[in-house]
Amino acid sequence: MTDQTIIDLFWQRSEDAIRNTSQKYGKYLTKIAMNILNYYEESEECVNDTYFTAWEQIPPDYPQKLLPYLGRITRCLALNRYDYLTAQKRNVEFTLQLSELEECLTTTESIETQYESGEVASIISSFLRMQNSDVRNIFIRRYWFSDSITEIAARFNMSESKVKSTLFRTRKRLKKHLESEGYHV
């Protein structure tokens, strides 16, 4: 079933929209949530909340691309759930990913404020467009999809040390790019 058909089902308020979305994208959405939360039950709850949120937002929203639309909802819900859960426990892998980016994104203004205003997101997007496709995809797999170093190495058929060094060099270039755009770290 095409994304367009699924979106039309949402607009028609048909429950088939949820069923078809789950069949087509359920594993993908679960993977995003699992990479952040590291708990299957919590991840499944985020995915179910994603379906509910999509049901509530479509209409009036009419996403051009359903997969990134749903992925963004899942990621936001998982990050919110992660914040809640870290008051008690830590997902060491995800905490490590956040700390890797800390050196690039720490400024006097809070990152949340900058991100919400879209400034940092726009600068990072323009930076990533300047990178070759492998570097860009490795960076996105690590910091958007929250894939582990091992998963990225397997996906791109390279050693874990090459992935680590690629990410390290990319973060250094990102830091310089942010500084050149007026975000002093």
N, C-alpha and C. Protein backbone atom coordinates (compact mmCIF):
# COMPACT_ATOMS: atom_id res chain seq x y z
N MET A 1 0.85 -1.18 0.00
CA MET A 1 0.00 0.00 0.00
C MET A 1 0.89 1.23 0.00
N THR A 2 0.54 2.20 -0.80
CA THR A 2 1.36 3.41 -0.92
C THR A 2 1.11 4.35 0.27
N ASP A 3 2.08 5.21 0.49
CA ASP A 3 1.94 6.21 1.55
C ASP A 3 0.73 7.11 1.29
N GLN A 4 0.55 7.47 0.04
CA GLN A 4 -0.58 8.33 -0.33
C GLN A 4 -1.90 7.69 0.06
N THR A 5 -2.03 6.38 -0.17
CA THR A 5 -3.25 5.66 0.19
C THR A 5 -3.45 5.65 1.70
N ILE A 6 -2.36 5.44 2.43
CA ILE A 6 -2.46 5.44 3.90
C ILE A 6 -2.86 6.82 4.40
N ILE A 7 -2.27 7.86 3.86
CA ILE A 7 -2.63 9.23 4.27
C ILE A 7 -4.10 9.50 3.97
N ASP A 8 -4.56 9.04 2.81
CA ASP A 8 -5.98 9.20 2.46
C ASP A 8 -6.87 8.47 3.45
N LEU A 9 -6.43 7.29 3.92
CA LEU A 9 -7.20 6.56 4.93
C LEU A 9 -7.27 7.35 6.24
N PHE A 10 -6.16 7.99 6.62
CA PHE A 10 -6.20 8.85 7.81
C PHE A 10 -7.23 9.96 7.61
N TRP A 11 -7.21 10.57 6.44
CA TRP A 11 -8.15 11.67 6.17
C TRP A 11 -9.59 11.18 6.17
N GLN A 12 -9.81 9.95 5.79
CA GLN A 12 -11.16 9.37 5.79
C GLN A 12 -11.56 8.87 7.18
N ARG A 13 -10.60 8.94 8.14
CA ARG A 13 -10.80 8.48 9.51
C ARG A 13 -11.06 6.98 9.55
N SER A 14 -10.42 6.24 8.66
CA SER A 14 -10.55 4.79 8.60
C SER A 14 -9.50 4.15 9.51
N GLU A 15 -9.94 3.19 10.31
CA GLU A 15 -9.01 2.48 11.20
C GLU A 15 -8.00 1.67 10.41
N ASP A 16 -8.28 1.42 9.15
CA ASP A 16 -7.31 0.72 8.30
C ASP A 16 -6.01 1.53 8.17
N ALA A 17 -6.07 2.81 8.39
CA ALA A 17 -4.87 3.65 8.32
C ALA A 17 -3.85 3.18 9.36
N ILE A 18 -4.30 2.94 10.57
CA ILE A 18 -3.41 2.49 11.64
C ILE A 18 -2.88 1.09 11.32
N ARG A 19 -3.73 0.20 10.92
CA ARG A 19 -3.34 -1.18 10.62
C ARG A 19 -2.29 -1.20 9.50
N ASN A 20 -2.54 -0.46 8.44
CA ASN A 20 -1.60 -0.43 7.32
C ASN A 20 -0.30 0.27 7.68
N THR A 21 -0.39 1.31 8.48
CA THR A 21 0.82 2.00 8.94
C THR A 21 1.67 1.04 9.77
N SER A 22 1.02 0.31 10.65
CA SER A 22 1.73 -0.65 11.50
C SER A 22 2.40 -1.74 10.67
N GLN A 23 1.69 -2.26 9.68
CA GLN A 23 2.26 -3.31 8.84
C GLN A 23 3.45 -2.80 8.03
N LYS A 24 3.33 -1.59 7.53
CA LYS A 24 4.38 -1.06 6.65
C LYS A 24 5.57 -0.51 7.42
N TYR A 25 5.32 0.18 8.53
CA TYR A 25 6.39 0.91 9.21
C TYR A 25 6.61 0.54 10.68
N GLY A 26 5.88 -0.43 11.20
CA GLY A 26 5.98 -0.78 12.61
C GLY A 26 7.39 -1.15 13.06
N LYS A 27 8.06 -2.00 12.29
CA LYS A 27 9.42 -2.42 12.66
C LYS A 27 10.39 -1.24 12.64
N TYR A 28 10.25 -0.40 11.65
CA TYR A 28 11.12 0.78 11.51
C TYR A 28 10.92 1.72 12.71
N LEU A 29 9.69 1.99 13.07
CA LEU A 29 9.42 2.89 14.19
C LEU A 29 9.88 2.29 15.51
N THR A 30 9.70 0.98 15.65
CA THR A 30 10.16 0.30 16.86
C THR A 30 11.68 0.40 16.98
N LYS A 31 12.37 0.27 15.86
CA LYS A 31 13.84 0.36 15.87
C LYS A 31 14.29 1.75 16.34
N ILE A 32 13.64 2.79 15.86
CA ILE A 32 13.99 4.15 16.30
C ILE A 32 13.81 4.26 17.82
N ALA A 33 12.67 3.83 18.31
CA ALA A 33 12.40 3.92 19.75
C ALA A 33 13.35 3.04 20.56
N MET A 34 13.63 1.83 20.07
CA MET A 34 14.54 0.92 20.79
C MET A 34 15.94 1.50 20.89
N ASN A 35 16.40 2.15 19.84
CA ASN A 35 17.75 2.73 19.87
C ASN A 35 17.87 3.82 20.93
N ILE A 36 16.79 4.47 21.24
CA ILE A 36 16.81 5.53 22.26
C ILE A 36 16.53 4.96 23.64
N LEU A 37 15.52 4.10 23.75
CA LEU A 37 15.05 3.66 25.05
C LEU A 37 15.69 2.37 25.55
N ASN A 38 16.04 1.49 24.63
CA ASN A 38 16.66 0.22 24.98
C ASN A 38 15.73 -0.71 25.78
N TYR A 39 14.44 -0.46 25.77
CA TYR A 39 13.45 -1.31 26.42
C TYR A 39 12.33 -1.57 25.43
N TYR A 40 12.09 -2.85 25.14
CA TYR A 40 11.10 -3.20 24.13
C TYR A 40 9.70 -2.70 24.49
N GLU A 41 9.30 -2.90 25.74
CA GLU A 41 7.94 -2.50 26.15
C GLU A 41 7.74 -1.00 26.02
N GLU A 42 8.73 -0.23 26.44
CA GLU A 42 8.65 1.23 26.32
C GLU A 42 8.64 1.65 24.86
N SER A 43 9.41 0.96 24.05
CA SER A 43 9.46 1.26 22.62
C SER A 43 8.13 0.98 21.95
N GLU A 44 7.52 -0.14 22.29
CA GLU A 44 6.21 -0.47 21.73
C GLU A 44 5.16 0.57 22.13
N GLU A 45 5.26 1.04 23.36
CA GLU A 45 4.33 2.08 23.82
C GLU A 45 4.53 3.37 23.01
N CYS A 46 5.78 3.72 22.73
CA CYS A 46 6.06 4.91 21.91
C CYS A 46 5.49 4.75 20.51
N VAL A 47 5.63 3.57 19.95
CA VAL A 47 5.12 3.33 18.60
C VAL A 47 3.59 3.44 18.60
N ASN A 48 2.95 2.86 19.60
CA ASN A 48 1.49 2.99 19.70
C ASN A 48 1.08 4.45 19.87
N ASP A 49 1.85 5.18 20.66
CA ASP A 49 1.57 6.61 20.82
C ASP A 49 1.79 7.36 19.50
N THR A 50 2.73 6.88 18.70
CA THR A 50 2.96 7.48 17.38
C THR A 50 1.71 7.33 16.51
N TYR A 51 1.13 6.14 16.52
CA TYR A 51 -0.09 5.91 15.73
C TYR A 51 -1.22 6.83 16.21
N PHE A 52 -1.34 6.95 17.52
CA PHE A 52 -2.38 7.81 18.08
C PHE A 52 -2.14 9.27 17.70
N THR A 53 -0.88 9.71 17.81
CA THR A 53 -0.54 11.09 17.45
C THR A 53 -0.82 11.35 15.98
N ALA A 54 -0.43 10.41 15.13
CA ALA A 54 -0.71 10.56 13.69
C ALA A 54 -2.21 10.65 13.45
N TRP A 55 -2.97 9.83 14.15
CA TRP A 55 -4.44 9.84 14.03
C TRP A 55 -5.00 11.21 14.42
N GLU A 56 -4.43 11.81 15.46
CA GLU A 56 -4.88 13.11 15.93
C GLU A 56 -4.44 14.25 15.01
N GLN A 57 -3.29 14.10 14.36
CA GLN A 57 -2.72 15.21 13.58
C GLN A 57 -3.05 15.15 12.09
N ILE A 58 -3.45 13.96 11.59
CA ILE A 58 -3.83 13.82 10.18
C ILE A 58 -5.32 13.55 10.14
N PRO A 59 -6.18 14.37 9.65
CA PRO A 59 -5.98 15.77 9.36
C PRO A 59 -5.85 16.59 10.65
N PRO A 60 -5.42 17.80 10.60
CA PRO A 60 -5.25 18.69 9.47
C PRO A 60 -3.93 18.53 8.73
N ASP A 61 -2.91 17.89 9.36
CA ASP A 61 -1.64 17.73 8.66
C ASP A 61 -1.84 16.86 7.42
N TYR A 62 -1.03 17.12 6.43
CA TYR A 62 -1.01 16.30 5.23
C TYR A 62 0.46 16.12 4.85
N PRO A 63 1.12 15.12 5.50
CA PRO A 63 2.56 14.97 5.29
C PRO A 63 2.89 14.62 3.84
N GLN A 64 3.94 15.25 3.33
CA GLN A 64 4.41 14.94 1.98
C GLN A 64 5.05 13.56 1.93
N LYS A 65 5.77 13.22 3.02
CA LYS A 65 6.42 11.92 3.12
C LYS A 65 6.05 11.32 4.47
N LEU A 66 5.36 10.21 4.44
CA LEU A 66 4.82 9.62 5.67
C LEU A 66 5.91 9.07 6.58
N LEU A 67 6.89 8.38 6.02
CA LEU A 67 7.91 7.75 6.84
C LEU A 67 8.68 8.74 7.72
N PRO A 68 9.24 9.82 7.16
CA PRO A 68 9.93 10.78 8.05
C PRO A 68 8.98 11.45 9.04
N TYR A 69 7.75 11.67 8.62
CA TYR A 69 6.74 12.27 9.50
C TYR A 69 6.53 11.38 10.74
N LEU A 70 6.33 10.09 10.50
CA LEU A 70 6.12 9.15 11.61
C LEU A 70 7.40 8.96 12.41
N GLY A 71 8.54 8.93 11.72
CA GLY A 71 9.82 8.77 12.42
C GLY A 71 10.10 9.92 13.37
N ARG A 72 9.76 11.11 12.94
CA ARG A 72 9.97 12.28 13.81
C ARG A 72 9.06 12.22 15.04
N ILE A 73 7.83 11.82 14.84
CA ILE A 73 6.91 11.68 15.98
C ILE A 73 7.47 10.65 16.96
N THR A 74 7.88 9.50 16.44
CA THR A 74 8.40 8.43 17.30
C THR A 74 9.63 8.89 18.05
N ARG A 75 10.53 9.55 17.35
CA ARG A 75 11.76 10.03 17.98
C ARG A 75 11.45 11.03 19.10
N CYS A 76 10.57 11.95 18.85
CA CYS A 76 10.20 12.93 19.89
C CYS A 76 9.57 12.25 21.10
N LEU A 77 8.67 11.32 20.83
CA LEU A 77 8.03 10.59 21.94
C LEU A 77 9.05 9.77 22.72
N ALA A 78 9.97 9.12 22.01
CA ALA A 78 10.99 8.31 22.68
C ALA A 78 11.93 9.19 23.50
N LEU A 79 12.29 10.35 22.97
CA LEU A 79 13.16 11.26 23.72
C LEU A 79 12.47 11.76 24.98
N ASN A 80 11.19 12.07 24.88
CA ASN A 80 10.44 12.48 26.07
C ASN A 80 10.39 11.35 27.08
N ARG A 81 10.16 10.14 26.60
CA ARG A 81 10.11 8.99 27.49
C ARG A 81 11.49 8.73 28.11
N TYR A 82 12.53 8.93 27.32
CA TYR A 82 13.90 8.76 27.81
C TYR A 82 14.18 9.72 28.97
N ASP A 83 13.77 10.98 28.80
CA ASP A 83 13.94 11.96 29.87
C ASP A 83 13.26 11.49 31.15
N TYR A 84 12.06 10.97 31.00
CA TYR A 84 11.31 10.47 32.15
C TYR A 84 12.05 9.29 32.80
N LEU A 85 12.50 8.36 31.99
CA LEU A 85 13.15 7.16 32.52
C LEU A 85 14.53 7.42 33.12
N THR A 86 15.24 8.41 32.60
CA THR A 86 16.60 8.65 33.10
C THR A 86 16.61 9.24 34.50
N ALA A 87 15.48 9.62 34.99
CA ALA A 87 15.43 10.04 36.39
C ALA A 87 15.72 8.84 37.29
N GLN A 88 15.49 7.63 36.76
CA GLN A 88 15.71 6.42 37.55
C GLN A 88 16.88 5.58 37.02
N LYS A 89 16.97 5.41 35.71
CA LYS A 89 17.98 4.54 35.10
C LYS A 89 18.57 5.25 33.90
N ARG A 90 19.66 4.72 33.41
CA ARG A 90 20.30 5.30 32.24
C ARG A 90 20.45 4.26 31.13
N ASN A 91 20.22 4.71 29.90
CA ASN A 91 20.55 3.93 28.72
C ASN A 91 21.95 4.39 28.34
N VAL A 92 22.94 3.62 28.69
CA VAL A 92 24.33 4.02 28.54
C VAL A 92 24.66 4.35 27.09
N GLU A 93 24.17 3.56 26.15
CA GLU A 93 24.47 3.79 24.73
C GLU A 93 23.95 5.15 24.27
N PHE A 94 22.70 5.47 24.59
CA PHE A 94 22.13 6.73 24.14
C PHE A 94 22.77 7.91 24.86
N THR A 95 23.07 7.75 26.14
CA THR A 95 23.76 8.80 26.89
C THR A 95 25.12 9.09 26.26
N LEU A 96 25.81 8.04 25.83
CA LEU A 96 27.09 8.20 25.15
C LEU A 96 26.92 9.00 23.87
N GLN A 97 25.89 8.70 23.09
CA GLN A 97 25.65 9.43 21.85
C GLN A 97 25.43 10.91 22.11
N LEU A 98 24.66 11.21 23.14
CA LEU A 98 24.42 12.61 23.48
C LEU A 98 25.70 13.30 23.91
N SER A 99 26.51 12.60 24.69
CA SER A 99 27.75 13.21 25.16
C SER A 99 28.73 13.45 24.01
N GLU A 100 28.69 12.60 22.97
CA GLU A 100 29.55 12.79 21.80
C GLU A 100 29.27 14.13 21.13
N LEU A 101 28.00 14.50 21.06
CA LEU A 101 27.63 15.74 20.40
C LEU A 101 27.77 16.96 21.29
N GLU A 102 27.91 16.74 22.58
CA GLU A 102 27.97 17.84 23.54
C GLU A 102 29.06 18.85 23.20
N GLU A 103 30.23 18.36 22.79
CA GLU A 103 31.35 19.26 22.50
C GLU A 103 31.05 20.17 21.31
N CYS A 104 30.17 19.74 20.41
CA CYS A 104 29.83 20.55 19.24
C CYS A 104 28.72 21.55 19.55
N LEU A 105 27.83 21.19 20.44
CA LEU A 105 26.60 21.95 20.59
C LEU A 105 26.49 22.78 21.86
N THR A 106 27.47 22.74 22.73
CA THR A 106 27.39 23.50 23.97
C THR A 106 27.68 24.98 23.70
N THR A 107 26.73 25.82 24.08
CA THR A 107 26.90 27.26 23.96
C THR A 107 26.32 27.91 25.20
N THR A 108 26.37 29.23 25.25
CA THR A 108 25.82 29.93 26.40
C THR A 108 24.30 29.85 26.41
N GLU A 109 23.68 29.78 25.25
CA GLU A 109 22.23 29.64 25.15
C GLU A 109 21.91 28.16 25.20
N SER A 110 20.78 27.78 25.79
CA SER A 110 20.48 26.36 25.90
C SER A 110 20.23 25.76 24.52
N ILE A 111 20.68 24.53 24.33
CA ILE A 111 20.52 23.83 23.06
C ILE A 111 19.04 23.67 22.74
N GLU A 112 18.22 23.40 23.75
CA GLU A 112 16.79 23.23 23.51
C GLU A 112 16.19 24.50 22.90
N THR A 113 16.60 25.65 23.44
CA THR A 113 16.09 26.93 22.93
C THR A 113 16.52 27.13 21.49
N GLN A 114 17.80 26.88 21.22
CA GLN A 114 18.32 27.04 19.87
C GLN A 114 17.64 26.07 18.91
N TYR A 115 17.51 24.82 19.33
CA TYR A 115 16.92 23.81 18.46
C TYR A 115 15.47 24.15 18.15
N GLU A 116 14.74 24.54 19.18
CA GLU A 116 13.34 24.88 18.97
C GLU A 116 13.19 26.04 18.00
N SER A 117 14.11 26.94 18.03
CA SER A 117 14.01 28.07 17.10
C SER A 117 14.40 27.64 15.69
N GLY A 118 14.94 26.46 15.56
CA GLY A 118 15.29 25.94 14.24
C GLY A 118 16.64 26.37 13.73
N GLU A 119 17.32 27.24 14.47
CA GLU A 119 18.59 27.76 13.99
C GLU A 119 19.65 26.68 13.89
N VAL A 120 19.86 25.95 14.97
CA VAL A 120 20.89 24.93 14.98
C VAL A 120 20.54 23.82 13.99
N ALA A 121 19.29 23.44 13.94
CA ALA A 121 18.87 22.38 13.01
C ALA A 121 19.18 22.78 11.58
N SER A 122 18.92 24.01 11.24
CA SER A 122 19.18 24.51 9.89
C SER A 122 20.67 24.51 9.58
N ILE A 123 21.47 24.92 10.53
CA ILE A 123 22.92 24.95 10.33
C ILE A 123 23.47 23.54 10.20
N ILE A 124 23.01 22.62 11.04
CA ILE A 124 23.46 21.24 10.95
C ILE A 124 23.04 20.63 9.62
N SER A 125 21.84 20.91 9.18
CA SER A 125 21.37 20.39 7.88
C SER A 125 22.25 20.90 6.74
N SER A 126 22.56 22.18 6.76
CA SER A 126 23.41 22.72 5.69
C SER A 126 24.80 22.11 5.76
N PHE A 127 25.31 21.90 6.96
CA PHE A 127 26.62 21.25 7.13
C PHE A 127 26.59 19.84 6.55
N LEU A 128 25.55 19.09 6.88
CA LEU A 128 25.47 17.71 6.40
C LEU A 128 25.33 17.63 4.89
N ARG A 129 24.66 18.59 4.28
CA ARG A 129 24.54 18.61 2.82
C ARG A 129 25.91 18.82 2.15
N MET A 130 26.86 19.42 2.86
CA MET A 130 28.19 19.66 2.31
C MET A 130 29.09 18.42 2.42
N GLN A 131 28.66 17.43 3.20
CA GLN A 131 29.47 16.22 3.41
C GLN A 131 29.19 15.20 2.31
N ASN A 132 30.14 14.29 2.10
CA ASN A 132 29.85 13.23 1.12
C ASN A 132 28.79 12.30 1.71
N SER A 133 28.17 11.52 0.86
CA SER A 133 27.00 10.74 1.28
C SER A 133 27.32 9.74 2.38
N ASP A 134 28.51 9.10 2.35
CA ASP A 134 28.84 8.14 3.41
C ASP A 134 28.96 8.83 4.76
N VAL A 135 29.66 9.94 4.81
CA VAL A 135 29.83 10.68 6.07
C VAL A 135 28.46 11.14 6.58
N ARG A 136 27.68 11.70 5.69
CA ARG A 136 26.34 12.18 6.06
C ARG A 136 25.48 11.03 6.60
N ASN A 137 25.49 9.89 5.91
CA ASN A 137 24.66 8.77 6.34
C ASN A 137 25.14 8.16 7.65
N ILE A 138 26.44 8.09 7.85
CA ILE A 138 26.98 7.58 9.12
C ILE A 138 26.55 8.51 10.26
N PHE A 139 26.68 9.81 10.06
CA PHE A 139 26.31 10.79 11.08
C PHE A 139 24.82 10.68 11.41
N ILE A 140 23.99 10.58 10.39
CA ILE A 140 22.54 10.50 10.60
C ILE A 140 22.16 9.18 11.27
N ARG A 141 22.79 8.08 10.87
CA ARG A 141 22.49 6.80 11.50
C ARG A 141 22.83 6.85 12.99
N ARG A 142 23.90 7.54 13.34
CA ARG A 142 24.32 7.59 14.74
C ARG A 142 23.46 8.55 15.55
N TYR A 143 23.25 9.75 15.05
CA TYR A 143 22.64 10.78 15.88
C TYR A 143 21.17 11.03 15.61
N TRP A 144 20.63 10.52 14.54
CA TRP A 144 19.18 10.61 14.34
C TRP A 144 18.52 9.28 14.68
N PHE A 145 19.03 8.21 14.06
CA PHE A 145 18.44 6.89 14.28
C PHE A 145 18.99 6.22 15.54
N SER A 146 20.04 6.77 16.12
CA SER A 146 20.67 6.26 17.34
C SER A 146 21.20 4.84 17.17
N ASP A 147 21.70 4.53 15.99
CA ASP A 147 22.31 3.21 15.76
C ASP A 147 23.62 3.12 16.52
N SER A 148 23.95 1.91 16.94
CA SER A 148 25.23 1.69 17.63
C SER A 148 26.36 1.72 16.60
N ILE A 149 27.58 1.85 17.09
CA ILE A 149 28.76 1.82 16.22
C ILE A 149 28.81 0.49 15.47
N THR A 150 28.51 -0.59 16.16
CA THR A 150 28.52 -1.92 15.55
C THR A 150 27.51 -2.02 14.41
N GLU A 151 26.31 -1.50 14.62
CA GLU A 151 25.28 -1.54 13.58
C GLU A 151 25.69 -0.70 12.37
N ILE A 152 26.27 0.45 12.62
CA ILE A 152 26.70 1.32 11.52
C ILE A 152 27.82 0.65 10.73
N ALA A 153 28.78 0.06 11.43
CA ALA A 153 29.89 -0.62 10.77
C ALA A 153 29.37 -1.74 9.87
N ALA A 154 28.42 -2.51 10.37
CA ALA A 154 27.85 -3.60 9.56
C ALA A 154 27.09 -3.04 8.36
N ARG A 155 26.31 -2.00 8.58
CA ARG A 155 25.51 -1.41 7.50
C ARG A 155 26.39 -0.88 6.36
N PHE A 156 27.52 -0.26 6.71
CA PHE A 156 28.38 0.36 5.70
C PHE A 156 29.60 -0.49 5.36
N ASN A 157 29.64 -1.72 5.90
CA ASN A 157 30.71 -2.67 5.61
C ASN A 157 32.08 -2.05 5.86
N MET A 158 32.26 -1.55 7.08
CA MET A 158 33.54 -0.96 7.48
C MET A 158 33.82 -1.35 8.92
N SER A 159 35.03 -1.10 9.36
CA SER A 159 35.40 -1.44 10.74
C SER A 159 34.78 -0.44 11.71
N GLU A 160 34.64 -0.89 12.95
CA GLU A 160 34.11 0.00 13.99
C GLU A 160 35.04 1.18 14.21
N SER A 161 36.35 0.95 14.13
CA SER A 161 37.29 2.05 14.34
C SER A 161 37.16 3.10 13.24
N LYS A 162 36.87 2.67 12.01
CA LYS A 162 36.67 3.64 10.91
C LYS A 162 35.41 4.45 11.17
N VAL A 163 34.34 3.81 11.66
CA VAL A 163 33.12 4.54 11.98
C VAL A 163 33.40 5.56 13.08
N LYS A 164 34.09 5.13 14.13
CA LYS A 164 34.41 6.04 15.23
C LYS A 164 35.24 7.23 14.76
N SER A 165 36.24 6.96 13.93
CA SER A 165 37.09 8.07 13.47
C SER A 165 36.32 8.99 12.52
N THR A 166 35.44 8.42 11.70
CA THR A 166 34.61 9.25 10.80
C THR A 166 33.72 10.16 11.63
N LEU A 167 33.10 9.62 12.66
CA LEU A 167 32.22 10.42 13.52
C LEU A 167 33.02 11.49 14.26
N PHE A 168 34.19 11.13 14.74
CA PHE A 168 35.03 12.09 15.46
C PHE A 168 35.40 13.26 14.55
N ARG A 169 35.88 12.95 13.34
CA ARG A 169 36.27 14.01 12.41
C ARG A 169 35.06 14.85 11.99
N THR A 170 33.93 14.20 11.81
CA THR A 170 32.72 14.94 11.42
C THR A 170 32.28 15.88 12.53
N ARG A 171 32.34 15.43 13.77
CA ARG A 171 31.98 16.30 14.90
C ARG A 171 32.92 17.50 14.97
N LYS A 172 34.22 17.28 14.73
CA LYS A 172 35.18 18.40 14.75
C LYS A 172 34.84 19.41 13.66
N ARG A 173 34.52 18.90 12.45
CA ARG A 173 34.16 19.82 11.36
C ARG A 173 32.85 20.53 11.67
N LEU A 174 31.90 19.83 12.28
CA LEU A 174 30.63 20.45 12.66
C LEU A 174 30.86 21.56 13.67
N LYS A 175 31.73 21.31 14.63
CA LYS A 175 32.04 22.34 15.63
C LYS A 175 32.60 23.59 14.96
N LYS A 176 33.53 23.41 14.04
CA LYS A 176 34.10 24.55 13.31
C LYS A 176 33.02 25.27 12.50
N HIS A 177 32.16 24.50 11.87
CA HIS A 177 31.09 25.08 11.07
C HIS A 177 30.14 25.89 11.95
N LEU A 178 29.78 25.35 13.10
CA LEU A 178 28.90 26.08 14.03
C LEU A 178 29.56 27.37 14.50
N GLU A 179 30.86 27.29 14.80
CA GLU A 179 31.57 28.49 15.23
C GLU A 179 31.60 29.53 14.12
N SER A 180 31.77 29.08 12.88
CA SER A 180 31.82 30.03 11.76
C SER A 180 30.45 30.68 11.53
N GLU A 181 29.40 30.03 12.01
CA GLU A 181 28.04 30.56 11.89
C GLU A 181 27.63 31.38 13.11
N GLY A 182 28.57 31.57 14.04
CA GLY A 182 28.30 32.42 15.19
C GLY A 182 27.92 31.70 16.46
N TYR A 183 28.01 30.39 16.47
CA TYR A 183 27.73 29.62 17.69
C TYR A 183 29.06 29.19 18.28
N HIS A 184 29.51 29.98 19.24
CA HIS A 184 30.82 29.72 19.84
C HIS A 184 30.67 28.70 20.95
N VAL A 185 31.49 27.69 20.82
CA VAL A 185 31.42 26.56 21.76
C VAL A 185 32.43 26.75 22.86
